[in-house]
Amino acid sequence: MNILVSVCIVTYNQEKFLEQTLQSILNQNTDFQYEVIVGDDCSTDSTRKIIEGFLIKYPNIVVPIFHKVNIGPIENIKSVYKKAKGKYIYHLDGDDLALPGKLQRQFD
């Protein structure tokens, strides 16, 4: 699989927003392969369970990183970016949304 875009999402205790964030990316229509890397910075709410649910539904797209201890936002971003396989990186925070068509427009 030739990944052209790595969608990099960092999150910490964002259970109220993360499901919508992930769905907004996974609903994108593109003419290229992309991956969604989600770095959870040892959340204490149900953030991890939400990511695990999306991993079950989208095992070929979602790439989780579950930190065992809180490493902070900068180190979380670094870990997610290091895992990226795409030619391009599209960054989202765990409480952001991607409007329909956004990923394809940015790629074009």
C-alpha atoms as a PDB file:
ATOM      1  CA  MET A   1       0.000   0.000   0.000  1.00  0.00           C
ATOM      2  CA  ASN A   2       1.438   3.353  -1.069  1.00  0.00           C
ATOM      3  CA  ILE A   3       0.527   5.855   1.664  1.00  0.00           C
ATOM      4  CA  LEU A   4       0.618   9.409   0.324  1.00  0.00           C
ATOM      5  CA  VAL A   5      -0.838  11.262   3.315  1.00  0.00           C
ATOM      6  CA  SER A   6      -0.393  10.578   7.006  1.00  0.00           C
ATOM      7  CA  VAL A   7      -3.134  12.182   9.057  1.00  0.00           C
ATOM      8  CA  CYS A   8      -1.482  12.776  12.422  1.00  0.00           C
ATOM      9  CA  ILE A   9      -3.776  13.239  15.395  1.00  0.00           C
ATOM     10  CA  VAL A  10      -2.626  13.935  18.942  1.00  0.00           C
ATOM     11  CA  THR A  11      -5.013  13.568  21.818  1.00  0.00           C
ATOM     12  CA  TYR A  12      -5.261  13.637  25.578  1.00  0.00           C
ATOM     13  CA  ASN A  13      -8.561  13.263  27.460  1.00  0.00           C
ATOM     14  CA  GLN A  14     -10.683  14.299  24.481  1.00  0.00           C
ATOM     15  CA  GLU A  15     -13.420  11.671  24.696  1.00  0.00           C
ATOM     16  CA  LYS A  16     -16.078  14.337  24.017  1.00  0.00           C
ATOM     17  CA  PHE A  17     -14.600  15.234  20.617  1.00  0.00           C
ATOM     18  CA  LEU A  18     -12.407  12.393  19.363  1.00  0.00           C
ATOM     19  CA  GLU A  19     -15.105  10.229  17.796  1.00  0.00           C
ATOM     20  CA  GLN A  20     -16.264  13.139  15.600  1.00  0.00           C
ATOM     21  CA  THR A  21     -12.656  14.023  14.763  1.00  0.00           C
ATOM     22  CA  LEU A  22     -11.826  10.493  13.628  1.00  0.00           C
ATOM     23  CA  GLN A  23     -15.072  10.058  11.721  1.00  0.00           C
ATOM     24  CA  SER A  24     -14.552  13.376   9.916  1.00  0.00           C
ATOM     25  CA  ILE A  25     -11.245  12.041   8.564  1.00  0.00           C
ATOM     26  CA  LEU A  26     -12.420   8.520   7.831  1.00  0.00           C
ATOM     27  CA  ASN A  27     -15.420   9.871   5.876  1.00  0.00           C
ATOM     28  CA  GLN A  28     -13.109  11.685   3.438  1.00  0.00           C
ATOM     29  CA  ASN A  29     -13.348  10.676  -0.219  1.00  0.00           C
ATOM     30  CA  THR A  30      -9.890  10.626  -1.760  1.00  0.00           C
ATOM     31  CA  ASP A  31      -8.190   9.205  -4.825  1.00  0.00           C
ATOM     32  CA  PHE A  32      -5.097   8.312  -2.771  1.00  0.00           C
ATOM     33  CA  GLN A  33      -4.208   6.070   0.155  1.00  0.00           C
ATOM     34  CA  TYR A  34      -3.906   7.621   3.589  1.00  0.00           C
ATOM     35  CA  GLU A  35      -3.329   6.491   7.137  1.00  0.00           C
ATOM     36  CA  VAL A  36      -4.590   7.956  10.396  1.00  0.00           C
ATOM     37  CA  ILE A  37      -2.027   7.873  13.200  1.00  0.00           C
ATOM     38  CA  VAL A  38      -3.483   8.665  16.617  1.00  0.00           C
ATOM     39  CA  GLY A  39      -1.192   9.367  19.557  1.00  0.00           C
ATOM     40  CA  ASP A  40      -2.966   9.036  22.897  1.00  0.00           C
ATOM     41  CA  ASP A  41      -0.897  10.624  25.662  1.00  0.00           C
ATOM     42  CA  CYS A  42      -2.025   8.228  28.413  1.00  0.00           C
ATOM     43  CA  SER A  43      -5.552   9.648  28.700  1.00  0.00           C
ATOM     44  CA  THR A  44      -7.477   8.965  31.902  1.00  0.00           C
ATOM     45  CA  ASP A  45     -10.926   9.067  30.256  1.00  0.00           C
ATOM     46  CA  SER A  46     -12.335   6.783  27.513  1.00  0.00           C
ATOM     47  CA  THR A  47     -10.137   8.214  24.732  1.00  0.00           C
ATOM     48  CA  ARG A  48      -8.240   4.917  24.370  1.00  0.00           C
ATOM     49  CA  LYS A  49     -11.472   2.897  24.033  1.00  0.00           C
ATOM     50  CA  ILE A  50     -12.667   5.222  21.281  1.00  0.00           C
ATOM     51  CA  ILE A  51      -9.405   4.729  19.374  1.00  0.00           C
ATOM     52  CA  GLU A  52      -9.598   0.955  19.861  1.00  0.00           C
ATOM     53  CA  GLY A  53     -13.137   0.981  18.438  1.00  0.00           C
ATOM     54  CA  PHE A  54     -11.966   2.780  15.306  1.00  0.00           C
ATOM     55  CA  LEU A  55      -9.014   0.400  15.009  1.00  0.00           C
ATOM     56  CA  ILE A  56     -11.460  -2.521  14.868  1.00  0.00           C
ATOM     57  CA  LYS A  57     -13.575  -0.785  12.186  1.00  0.00           C
ATOM     58  CA  TYR A  58     -10.637   0.538  10.131  1.00  0.00           C
ATOM     59  CA  PRO A  59      -7.657  -1.770  10.784  1.00  0.00           C
ATOM     60  CA  ASN A  60      -5.939  -0.892   7.508  1.00  0.00           C
ATOM     61  CA  ILE A  61      -6.122   2.859   8.095  1.00  0.00           C
ATOM     62  CA  VAL A  62      -5.952   3.599  11.844  1.00  0.00           C
ATOM     63  CA  VAL A  63      -2.526   3.338  13.486  1.00  0.00           C
ATOM     64  CA  PRO A  64      -2.699   3.854  17.264  1.00  0.00           C
ATOM     65  CA  ILE A  65       0.084   4.913  19.582  1.00  0.00           C
ATOM     66  CA  PHE A  66      -0.813   4.346  23.227  1.00  0.00           C
ATOM     67  CA  HIS A  67       1.734   5.934  25.537  1.00  0.00           C
ATOM     68  CA  LYS A  68       2.160   4.179  28.888  1.00  0.00           C
ATOM     69  CA  VAL A  69       2.949   7.434  30.682  1.00  0.00           C
ATOM     70  CA  ASN A  70       2.062  11.030  29.907  1.00  0.00           C
ATOM     71  CA  ILE A  71       4.861  12.437  27.731  1.00  0.00           C
ATOM     72  CA  GLY A  72       3.367  15.857  26.978  1.00  0.00           C
ATOM     73  CA  PRO A  73       2.079  17.401  23.752  1.00  0.00           C
ATOM     74  CA  ILE A  74       5.412  18.066  22.028  1.00  0.00           C
ATOM     75  CA  GLU A  75       6.751  14.530  22.534  1.00  0.00           C
ATOM     76  CA  ASN A  76       3.364  13.113  21.518  1.00  0.00           C
ATOM     77  CA  ILE A  77       3.503  15.082  18.248  1.00  0.00           C
ATOM     78  CA  LYS A  78       7.067  13.891  17.628  1.00  0.00           C
ATOM     79  CA  SER A  79       6.108  10.242  18.187  1.00  0.00           C
ATOM     80  CA  VAL A  80       3.155  10.488  15.803  1.00  0.00           C
ATOM     81  CA  TYR A  81       5.194  12.227  13.094  1.00  0.00           C
ATOM     82  CA  LYS A  82       7.993   9.651  13.381  1.00  0.00           C
ATOM     83  CA  LYS A  83       5.472   6.873  12.702  1.00  0.00           C
ATOM     84  CA  ALA A  84       4.147   8.602   9.559  1.00  0.00           C
ATOM     85  CA  LYS A  85       4.707   6.790   6.250  1.00  0.00           C
ATOM     86  CA  GLY A  86       3.100   9.356   3.962  1.00  0.00           C
ATOM     87  CA  LYS A  87       4.770  11.788   1.620  1.00  0.00           C
ATOM     88  CA  TYR A  88       2.669  14.519   3.281  1.00  0.00           C
ATOM     89  CA  ILE A  89       1.464  15.076   6.843  1.00  0.00           C
ATOM     90  CA  TYR A  90      -1.925  16.521   7.697  1.00  0.00           C
ATOM     91  CA  HIS A  91      -2.070  17.459  11.381  1.00  0.00           C
ATOM     92  CA  LEU A  92      -5.226  17.463  13.502  1.00  0.00           C
ATOM     93  CA  ASP A  93      -5.734  17.781  17.214  1.00  0.00           C
ATOM     94  CA  GLY A  94      -8.173  15.436  18.916  1.00  0.00           C
ATOM     95  CA  ASP A  95     -10.862  18.118  19.017  1.00  0.00           C
ATOM     96  CA  ASP A  96     -10.595  19.290  15.375  1.00  0.00           C
ATOM     97  CA  LEU A  97     -12.855  18.410  12.452  1.00  0.00           C
ATOM     98  CA  ALA A  98     -12.057  17.957   8.781  1.00  0.00           C
ATOM     99  CA  LEU A  99     -14.791  19.293   6.531  1.00  0.00           C
ATOM    100  CA  PRO A 100     -15.933  17.039   3.655  1.00  0.00           C
ATOM    101  CA  GLY A 101     -13.443  17.117   0.786  1.00  0.00           C
ATOM    102  CA  LYS A 102     -10.735  18.822   2.867  1.00  0.00           C
ATOM    103  CA  LEU A 103      -8.123  16.097   2.558  1.00  0.00           C
ATOM    104  CA  GLN A 104      -8.430  15.782  -1.222  1.00  0.00           C
ATOM    105  CA  ARG A 105      -8.367  19.580  -1.724  1.00  0.00           C
ATOM    106  CA  GLN A 106      -5.218  19.932   0.353  1.00  0.00           C
ATOM    107  CA  PHE A 107      -3.564  17.048  -1.451  1.00  0.00           C
ATOM    108  CA  ASP A 108      -4.417  18.500  -4.869  1.00  0.00           C
END
